[in-house]
PDB file of all heavy atoms in Angstrom:
ATOM      1  N   ALA A   1     120.132 100.440 107.549  1.00  0.00           N
ATOM      2  CA  ALA A   1     119.501  99.133 107.748  1.00  0.00           C
ATOM      3  C   ALA A   1     118.281  99.074 106.825  1.00  0.00           C
ATOM      4  O   ALA A   1     117.989  99.982 106.116  1.00  0.00           O
ATOM      5  CB  ALA A   1     119.084  98.969 109.212  1.00  0.00           C
ATOM      6  N   ASP A   2     117.651  97.928 106.916  1.00  0.00           N
ATOM      7  CA  ASP A   2     116.517  97.686 105.947  1.00  0.00           C
ATOM      8  C   ASP A   2     115.194  97.508 106.729  1.00  0.00           C
ATOM      9  O   ASP A   2     115.219  96.988 107.874  1.00  0.00           O
ATOM     10  CB  ASP A   2     116.741  96.479 105.112  1.00  0.00           C
ATOM     11  CG  ASP A   2     118.046  96.648 104.348  1.00  0.00           C
ATOM     12  OD1 ASP A   2     118.407  97.775 103.845  1.00  0.00           O
ATOM     13  OD2 ASP A   2     118.749  95.624 104.108  1.00  0.00           O
ATOM     14  N   GLY A   3     114.052  97.775 106.112  1.00  0.00           N
ATOM     15  CA  GLY A   3     112.771  97.495 106.708  1.00  0.00           C
ATOM     16  C   GLY A   3     111.693  98.190 105.914  1.00  0.00           C
ATOM     17  O   GLY A   3     111.920  98.888 104.979  1.00  0.00           O
ATOM     18  N   ALA A   4     110.468  98.023 106.450  1.00  0.00           N
ATOM     19  CA  ALA A   4     109.315  98.751 105.806  1.00  0.00           C
ATOM     20  C   ALA A   4     108.219  98.890 106.861  1.00  0.00           C
ATOM     21  O   ALA A   4     108.105  98.167 107.845  1.00  0.00           O
ATOM     22  CB  ALA A   4     108.803  97.854 104.689  1.00  0.00           C
ATOM     23  N   GLY A   5     107.465  99.985 106.619  1.00  0.00           N
ATOM     24  CA  GLY A   5     106.285 100.307 107.489  1.00  0.00           C
ATOM     25  C   GLY A   5     105.175 100.777 106.596  1.00  0.00           C
ATOM     26  O   GLY A   5     105.436 101.354 105.503  1.00  0.00           O
ATOM     27  N   ALA A   6     103.992 100.522 107.093  1.00  0.00           N
ATOM     28  CA  ALA A   6     102.799 100.887 106.230  1.00  0.00           C
ATOM     29  C   ALA A   6     101.569 101.342 107.078  1.00  0.00           C
ATOM     30  O   ALA A   6     101.453 100.950 108.266  1.00  0.00           O
ATOM     31  CB  ALA A   6     102.381  99.675 105.366  1.00  0.00           C
ATOM     32  N   VAL A   7     100.789 102.148 106.456  1.00  0.00           N
ATOM     33  CA  VAL A   7      99.492 102.454 107.086  1.00  0.00           C
ATOM     34  C   VAL A   7      98.426 102.295 105.947  1.00  0.00           C
ATOM     35  O   VAL A   7      98.697 102.556 104.708  1.00  0.00           O
ATOM     36  CB  VAL A   7      99.356 103.870 107.676  1.00  0.00           C
ATOM     37  CG1 VAL A   7     100.365 104.059 108.819  1.00  0.00           C
ATOM     38  CG2 VAL A   7      99.589 105.000 106.641  1.00  0.00           C
ATOM     39  N   VAL A   8      97.157 101.991 106.384  1.00  0.00           N
ATOM     40  CA  VAL A   8      96.015 102.020 105.525  1.00  0.00           C
ATOM     41  C   VAL A   8      95.224 103.266 105.908  1.00  0.00           C
ATOM     42  O   VAL A   8      94.882 103.443 107.073  1.00  0.00           O
ATOM     43  CB  VAL A   8      95.167 100.806 105.612  1.00  0.00           C
ATOM     44  CG1 VAL A   8      93.944 100.893 104.742  1.00  0.00           C
ATOM     45  CG2 VAL A   8      96.008  99.548 105.262  1.00  0.00           C
ATOM     46  N   LEU A   9      94.908 104.117 104.976  1.00  0.00           N
ATOM     47  CA  LEU A   9      94.093 105.326 105.160  1.00  0.00           C
ATOM     48  C   LEU A   9      92.702 105.042 104.657  1.00  0.00           C
ATOM     49  O   LEU A   9      92.498 104.406 103.635  1.00  0.00           O
ATOM     50  CB  LEU A   9      94.689 106.530 104.391  1.00  0.00           C
ATOM     51  CG  LEU A   9      96.110 107.037 104.767  1.00  0.00           C
ATOM     52  CD1 LEU A   9      96.416 108.289 104.007  1.00  0.00           C
ATOM     53  CD2 LEU A   9      96.235 107.288 106.280  1.00  0.00           C
ATOM     54  N   GLY A  10      91.736 105.579 105.406  1.00  0.00           N
ATOM     55  CA  GLY A  10      90.381 105.521 104.985  1.00  0.00           C
ATOM     56  C   GLY A  10      89.664 106.836 105.100  1.00  0.00           C
ATOM     57  O   GLY A  10      89.983 107.700 105.908  1.00  0.00           O
ATOM     58  N   ALA A  11      88.583 107.033 104.319  1.00  0.00           N
ATOM     59  CA  ALA A  11      87.889 108.304 104.338  1.00  0.00           C
ATOM     60  C   ALA A  11      86.881 108.271 105.493  1.00  0.00           C
ATOM     61  O   ALA A  11      86.334 107.280 105.831  1.00  0.00           O
ATOM     62  CB  ALA A  11      87.104 108.430 103.004  1.00  0.00           C
ATOM     63  N   SER A  12      86.694 109.459 106.105  1.00  0.00           N
ATOM     64  CA  SER A  12      85.804 109.603 107.216  1.00  0.00           C
ATOM     65  C   SER A  12      85.298 111.083 107.292  1.00  0.00           C
ATOM     66  O   SER A  12      85.876 111.932 106.680  1.00  0.00           O
ATOM     67  CB  SER A  12      86.472 109.285 108.561  1.00  0.00           C
ATOM     68  OG  SER A  12      85.673 109.609 109.641  1.00  0.00           O
ATOM     69  N   ASP A  13      84.177 111.211 107.959  1.00  0.00           N
ATOM     70  CA  ASP A  13      83.665 112.600 108.159  1.00  0.00           C
ATOM     71  C   ASP A  13      84.234 113.173 109.444  1.00  0.00           C
ATOM     72  O   ASP A  13      83.972 114.376 109.833  1.00  0.00           O
ATOM     73  CB  ASP A  13      82.118 112.694 108.184  1.00  0.00           C
ATOM     74  CG  ASP A  13      81.563 111.812 109.330  1.00  0.00           C
ATOM     75  OD1 ASP A  13      82.295 111.115 110.034  1.00  0.00           O
ATOM     76  OD2 ASP A  13      80.326 111.807 109.422  1.00  0.00           O
ATOM     77  N   LYS A  14      85.046 112.430 110.159  1.00  0.00           N
ATOM     78  CA  LYS A  14      85.715 112.889 111.418  1.00  0.00           C
ATOM     79  C   LYS A  14      87.162 113.220 111.133  1.00  0.00           C
ATOM     80  O   LYS A  14      87.843 112.390 110.500  1.00  0.00           O
ATOM     81  CB  LYS A  14      85.598 111.920 112.535  1.00  0.00           C
ATOM     82  CG  LYS A  14      84.101 111.650 112.952  1.00  0.00           C
ATOM     83  CD  LYS A  14      84.062 110.615 114.107  1.00  0.00           C
ATOM     84  CE  LYS A  14      82.648 110.504 114.607  1.00  0.00           C
ATOM     85  NZ  LYS A  14      81.711 110.042 113.664  1.00  0.00           N
ATOM     86  N   PRO A  15      87.683 114.288 111.681  1.00  0.00           N
ATOM     87  CA  PRO A  15      89.111 114.701 111.393  1.00  0.00           C
ATOM     88  C   PRO A  15      90.123 113.679 111.897  1.00  0.00           C
ATOM     89  O   PRO A  15      90.084 113.325 113.028  1.00  0.00           O
ATOM     90  CB  PRO A  15      89.263 116.088 112.068  1.00  0.00           C
ATOM     91  CG  PRO A  15      87.838 116.578 112.228  1.00  0.00           C
ATOM     92  CD  PRO A  15      87.030 115.399 112.443  1.00  0.00           C
ATOM     93  N   GLY A  16      90.997 113.236 111.017  1.00  0.00           N
ATOM     94  CA  GLY A  16      92.101 112.458 111.382  1.00  0.00           C
ATOM     95  C   GLY A  16      93.341 113.255 111.004  1.00  0.00           C
ATOM     96  O   GLY A  16      94.086 113.843 111.817  1.00  0.00           O
ATOM     97  N   PHE A  17      93.553 113.427 109.690  1.00  0.00           N
ATOM     98  CA  PHE A  17      94.543 114.318 109.136  1.00  0.00           C
ATOM     99  C   PHE A  17      94.245 115.741 109.360  1.00  0.00           C
ATOM    100  O   PHE A  17      93.199 116.272 109.026  1.00  0.00           O
ATOM    101  CB  PHE A  17      94.698 114.018 107.640  1.00  0.00           C
ATOM    102  CG  PHE A  17      95.731 114.895 106.920  1.00  0.00           C
ATOM    103  CD1 PHE A  17      97.094 114.792 107.208  1.00  0.00           C
ATOM    104  CD2 PHE A  17      95.316 115.859 105.995  1.00  0.00           C
ATOM    105  CE1 PHE A  17      97.970 115.567 106.552  1.00  0.00           C
ATOM    106  CE2 PHE A  17      96.283 116.701 105.313  1.00  0.00           C
ATOM    107  CZ  PHE A  17      97.600 116.518 105.684  1.00  0.00           C
ATOM    108  N   LEU A  18      95.192 116.477 110.064  1.00  0.00           N
ATOM    109  CA  LEU A  18      94.949 117.836 110.435  1.00  0.00           C
ATOM    110  C   LEU A  18      95.932 118.810 109.632  1.00  0.00           C
ATOM    111  O   LEU A  18      95.776 119.987 109.836  1.00  0.00           O
ATOM    112  CB  LEU A  18      95.197 118.052 111.938  1.00  0.00           C
ATOM    113  CG  LEU A  18      94.219 117.255 112.807  1.00  0.00           C
ATOM    114  CD1 LEU A  18      94.549 117.483 114.324  1.00  0.00           C
ATOM    115  CD2 LEU A  18      92.784 117.633 112.562  1.00  0.00           C
ATOM    116  N   GLY A  19      96.775 118.252 108.805  1.00  0.00           N
ATOM    117  CA  GLY A  19      97.660 119.141 108.071  1.00  0.00           C
ATOM    118  C   GLY A  19      99.074 118.692 107.956  1.00  0.00           C
ATOM    119  O   GLY A  19      99.490 117.681 108.648  1.00  0.00           O
ATOM    120  N   ALA A  20      99.814 119.348 107.086  1.00  0.00           N
ATOM    121  CA  ALA A  20     101.221 118.947 106.858  1.00  0.00           C
ATOM    122  C   ALA A  20     101.981 120.196 106.409  1.00  0.00           C
ATOM    123  O   ALA A  20     101.434 121.155 105.945  1.00  0.00           O
ATOM    124  CB  ALA A  20     101.360 117.852 105.809  1.00  0.00           C
ATOM    125  N   LYS A  21     103.313 120.119 106.576  1.00  0.00           N
ATOM    126  CA  LYS A  21     104.218 121.199 106.129  1.00  0.00           C
ATOM    127  C   LYS A  21     105.419 120.556 105.563  1.00  0.00           C
ATOM    128  O   LYS A  21     106.112 119.713 106.231  1.00  0.00           O
ATOM    129  CB  LYS A  21     104.569 122.107 107.358  1.00  0.00           C
ATOM    130  CG  LYS A  21     105.608 123.165 107.054  1.00  0.00           C
ATOM    131  CD  LYS A  21     105.165 124.178 105.963  1.00  0.00           C
ATOM    132  CE  LYS A  21     106.223 125.243 105.777  1.00  0.00           C
ATOM    133  NZ  LYS A  21     105.815 126.138 104.657  1.00  0.00           N
ATOM    134  N   LEU A  22     105.717 120.924 104.350  1.00  0.00           N
ATOM    135  CA  LEU A  22     106.943 120.498 103.664  1.00  0.00           C
ATOM    136  C   LEU A  22     107.922 121.581 103.495  1.00  0.00           C
ATOM    137  O   LEU A  22     107.524 122.769 103.368  1.00  0.00           O
ATOM    138  CB  LEU A  22     106.658 119.846 102.271  1.00  0.00           C
ATOM    139  CG  LEU A  22     105.518 118.789 102.232  1.00  0.00           C
ATOM    140  CD1 LEU A  22     105.374 118.314 100.819  1.00  0.00           C
ATOM    141  CD2 LEU A  22     105.754 117.652 103.178  1.00  0.00           C
ATOM    142  N   LEU A  23     109.234 121.263 103.465  1.00  0.00           N
ATOM    143  CA  LEU A  23     110.250 122.271 103.358  1.00  0.00           C
ATOM    144  C   LEU A  23     111.489 121.582 102.785  1.00  0.00           C
ATOM    145  O   LEU A  23     111.604 120.292 102.847  1.00  0.00           O
ATOM    146  CB  LEU A  23     110.578 122.848 104.708  1.00  0.00           C
ATOM    147  CG  LEU A  23     111.298 124.256 104.766  1.00  0.00           C
ATOM    148  CD1 LEU A  23     110.484 125.302 104.140  1.00  0.00           C
ATOM    149  CD2 LEU A  23     111.535 124.564 106.254  1.00  0.00           C
ATOM    150  N   ALA A  24     112.398 122.289 102.259  1.00  0.00           N
ATOM    151  CA  ALA A  24     113.703 121.696 101.762  1.00  0.00           C
ATOM    152  C   ALA A  24     114.773 122.725 101.790  1.00  0.00           C
ATOM    153  O   ALA A  24     114.575 123.955 101.685  1.00  0.00           O
ATOM    154  CB  ALA A  24     113.478 121.117 100.357  1.00  0.00           C
ATOM    155  N   ASN A  25     116.024 122.245 101.937  1.00  0.00           N
ATOM    156  CA  ASN A  25     117.215 123.070 101.727  1.00  0.00           C
ATOM    157  C   ASN A  25     117.968 122.386 100.628  1.00  0.00           C
ATOM    158  O   ASN A  25     118.965 121.599 100.826  1.00  0.00           O
ATOM    159  CB  ASN A  25     118.082 123.135 103.040  1.00  0.00           C
ATOM    160  CG  ASN A  25     117.505 124.143 103.990  1.00  0.00           C
ATOM    161  OD1 ASN A  25     116.427 123.943 104.580  1.00  0.00           O
ATOM    162  ND2 ASN A  25     118.217 125.247 104.139  1.00  0.00           N
ATOM    163  N   GLY A  26     117.624 122.674  99.339  1.00  0.00           N
ATOM    164  CA  GLY A  26     118.130 122.046  98.199  1.00  0.00           C
ATOM    165  C   GLY A  26     119.618 122.227  97.962  1.00  0.00           C
ATOM    166  O   GLY A  26     120.249 121.476  97.193  1.00  0.00           O
ATOM    167  N   GLU A  27     120.223 123.226  98.566  1.00  0.00           N
ATOM    168  CA  GLU A  27     121.668 123.502  98.374  1.00  0.00           C
ATOM    169  C   GLU A  27     122.510 122.302  98.911  1.00  0.00           C
ATOM    170  O   GLU A  27     123.697 122.176  98.568  1.00  0.00           O
ATOM    171  CB  GLU A  27     122.117 124.814  99.039  1.00  0.00           C
ATOM    172  CG  GLU A  27     121.998 124.853 100.565  1.00  0.00           C
ATOM    173  CD  GLU A  27     120.719 125.389 101.071  1.00  0.00           C
ATOM    174  OE1 GLU A  27     119.699 125.230 100.314  1.00  0.00           O
ATOM    175  OE2 GLU A  27     120.719 126.006 102.125  1.00  0.00           O
ATOM    176  N   TYR A  28     121.869 121.453  99.728  1.00  0.00           N
ATOM    177  CA  TYR A  28     122.590 120.279 100.274  1.00  0.00           C
ATOM    178  C   TYR A  28     122.322 118.972  99.458  1.00  0.00           C
ATOM    179  O   TYR A  28     122.547 117.871  99.977  1.00  0.00           O
ATOM    180  CB  TYR A  28     122.271 120.071 101.716  1.00  0.00           C
ATOM    181  CG  TYR A  28     122.805 121.160 102.656  1.00  0.00           C
ATOM    182  CD1 TYR A  28     121.895 122.098 103.199  1.00  0.00           C
ATOM    183  CD2 TYR A  28     124.152 121.228 102.964  1.00  0.00           C
ATOM    184  CE1 TYR A  28     122.393 123.109 104.013  1.00  0.00           C
ATOM    185  CE2 TYR A  28     124.599 122.270 103.757  1.00  0.00           C
ATOM    186  CZ  TYR A  28     123.749 123.152 104.317  1.00  0.00           C
ATOM    187  OH  TYR A  28     124.165 124.206 105.072  1.00  0.00           O
ATOM    188  N   HIS A  29     121.825 119.141  98.254  1.00  0.00           N
ATOM    189  CA  HIS A  29     121.462 117.963  97.516  1.00  0.00           C
ATOM    190  C   HIS A  29     122.633 117.088  97.165  1.00  0.00           C
ATOM    191  O   HIS A  29     122.492 115.880  96.854  1.00  0.00           O
ATOM    192  CB  HIS A  29     120.803 118.314  96.073  1.00  0.00           C
ATOM    193  CG  HIS A  29     121.758 119.023  95.183  1.00  0.00           C
ATOM    194  ND1 HIS A  29     122.063 120.331  95.234  1.00  0.00           N
ATOM    195  CD2 HIS A  29     122.491 118.468  94.193  1.00  0.00           C
ATOM    196  CE1 HIS A  29     122.887 120.648  94.251  1.00  0.00           C
ATOM    197  NE2 HIS A  29     123.228 119.543  93.665  1.00  0.00           N
ATOM    198  N   ASP A  30     123.863 117.645  97.218  1.00  0.00           N
ATOM    199  CA  ASP A  30     125.076 116.896  96.960  1.00  0.00           C
ATOM    200  C   ASP A  30     125.848 116.538  98.153  1.00  0.00           C
ATOM    201  O   ASP A  30     127.033 116.132  98.095  1.00  0.00           O
ATOM    202  CB  ASP A  30     125.971 117.719  95.974  1.00  0.00           C
ATOM    203  CG  ASP A  30     126.322 119.135  96.585  1.00  0.00           C
ATOM    204  OD1 ASP A  30     125.827 119.423  97.659  1.00  0.00           O
ATOM    205  OD2 ASP A  30     127.144 119.809  95.965  1.00  0.00           O
ATOM    206  N   ALA A  31     125.190 116.468  99.309  1.00  0.00           N
ATOM    207  CA  ALA A  31     125.918 116.124 100.553  1.00  0.00           C
ATOM    208  C   ALA A  31     125.827 114.646 100.894  1.00  0.00           C
ATOM    209  O   ALA A  31     126.784 114.035 101.325  1.00  0.00           O
ATOM    210  CB  ALA A  31     125.332 116.960 101.687  1.00  0.00           C
ATOM    211  N   LEU A  32     124.632 114.100 100.747  1.00  0.00           N
ATOM    212  CA  LEU A  32     124.391 112.645 101.050  1.00  0.00           C
ATOM    213  C   LEU A  32     123.460 112.065 100.025  1.00  0.00           C
ATOM    214  O   LEU A  32     122.392 112.525  99.738  1.00  0.00           O
ATOM    215  CB  LEU A  32     123.773 112.558 102.451  1.00  0.00           C
ATOM    216  CG  LEU A  32     123.129 111.247 102.836  1.00  0.00           C
ATOM    217  CD1 LEU A  32     124.161 110.124 102.954  1.00  0.00           C
ATOM    218  CD2 LEU A  32     122.386 111.333 104.145  1.00  0.00           C
ATOM    219  N   GLY A  33     123.854 110.927  99.500  1.00  0.00           N
ATOM    220  CA  GLY A  33     122.969 110.250  98.538  1.00  0.00           C
ATOM    221  C   GLY A  33     123.656 109.100  97.810  1.00  0.00           C
ATOM    222  O   GLY A  33     124.770 108.732  98.104  1.00  0.00           O
ATOM    223  N   ILE A  34     122.909 108.511  96.856  1.00  0.00           N
ATOM    224  CA  ILE A  34     123.459 107.545  95.951  1.00  0.00           C
ATOM    225  C   ILE A  34     123.636 108.228  94.586  1.00  0.00           C
ATOM    226  O   ILE A  34     122.633 108.432  93.863  1.00  0.00           O
ATOM    227  CB  ILE A  34     122.515 106.324  95.794  1.00  0.00           C
ATOM    228  CG1 ILE A  34     122.223 105.742  97.184  1.00  0.00           C
ATOM    229  CG2 ILE A  34     123.063 105.274  94.856  1.00  0.00           C
ATOM    230  CD1 ILE A  34     121.044 104.772  97.200  1.00  0.00           C
ATOM    231  N   TYR A  35     124.831 108.588  94.227  1.00  0.00           N
ATOM    232  CA  TYR A  35     125.058 109.522  93.088  1.00  0.00           C
ATOM    233  C   TYR A  35     125.429 108.890  91.808  1.00  0.00           C
ATOM    234  O   TYR A  35     125.603 109.542  90.792  1.00  0.00           O
ATOM    235  CB  TYR A  35     126.104 110.541  93.517  1.00  0.00           C
ATOM    236  CG  TYR A  35     125.661 111.446  94.673  1.00  0.00           C
ATOM    237  CD1 TYR A  35     126.063 111.310  95.950  1.00  0.00           C
ATOM    238  CD2 TYR A  35     124.645 112.378  94.363  1.00  0.00           C
ATOM    239  CE1 TYR A  35     125.574 112.087  96.983  1.00  0.00           C
ATOM    240  CE2 TYR A  35     124.167 113.230  95.423  1.00  0.00           C
ATOM    241  CZ  TYR A  35     124.636 113.044  96.668  1.00  0.00           C
ATOM    242  OH  TYR A  35     124.144 113.865  97.684  1.00  0.00           O
ATOM    243  N   THR A  36     125.544 107.498  91.805  1.00  0.00           N
ATOM    244  CA  THR A  36     125.864 106.809  90.602  1.00  0.00           C
ATOM    245  C   THR A  36     124.627 106.029  90.185  1.00  0.00           C
ATOM    246  O   THR A  36     124.014 105.334  90.961  1.00  0.00           O
ATOM    247  CB  THR A  36     127.066 105.843  90.781  1.00  0.00           C
ATOM    248  OG1 THR A  36     128.185 106.641  91.229  1.00  0.00           O
ATOM    249  CG2 THR A  36     127.409 105.110  89.520  1.00  0.00           C
ATOM    250  N   GLY A  37     124.266 106.065  88.848  1.00  0.00           N
ATOM    251  CA  GLY A  37     123.227 105.288  88.333  1.00  0.00           C
ATOM    252  C   GLY A  37     122.113 106.142  87.709  1.00  0.00           C
ATOM    253  O   GLY A  37     121.261 105.565  86.936  1.00  0.00           O
ATOM    254  N   GLY A  38     122.103 107.453  87.863  1.00  0.00           N
ATOM    255  CA  GLY A  38     121.138 108.361  87.256  1.00  0.00           C
ATOM    256  C   GLY A  38     121.704 109.017  86.013  1.00  0.00           C
ATOM    257  O   GLY A  38     122.784 108.638  85.505  1.00  0.00           O
ATOM    258  N   THR A  39     121.045 110.016  85.478  1.00  0.00           N
ATOM    259  CA  THR A  39     121.505 110.664  84.287  1.00  0.00           C
ATOM    260  C   THR A  39     122.718 111.533  84.523  1.00  0.00           C
ATOM    261  O   THR A  39     123.476 111.848  83.573  1.00  0.00           O
ATOM    262  CB  THR A  39     120.362 111.489  83.656  1.00  0.00           C
ATOM    263  OG1 THR A  39     119.849 112.455  84.615  1.00  0.00           O
ATOM    264  CG2 THR A  39     119.154 110.576  83.211  1.00  0.00           C
ATOM    265  N   SER A  40     122.850 112.051  85.736  1.00  0.00           N
ATOM    266  CA  SER A  40     123.965 112.931  86.012  1.00  0.00           C
ATOM    267  C   SER A  40     125.352 112.156  86.072  1.00  0.00           C
ATOM    268  O   SER A  40     126.340 112.644  85.567  1.00  0.00           O
ATOM    269  CB  SER A  40     123.840 113.623  87.383  1.00  0.00           C
ATOM    270  OG  SER A  40     124.896 114.402  87.729  1.00  0.00           O
TER     271      SER A  40
END
């Protein structure tokens, strides 16, 4: 489906953002996607 969501971030001396963690399993890059239109 289609849609959009947004937030406005602002600077503060009080903690809002407490951290993040990113990870990937790149071996599945060819499992789901739009595969026509790029250089490959």
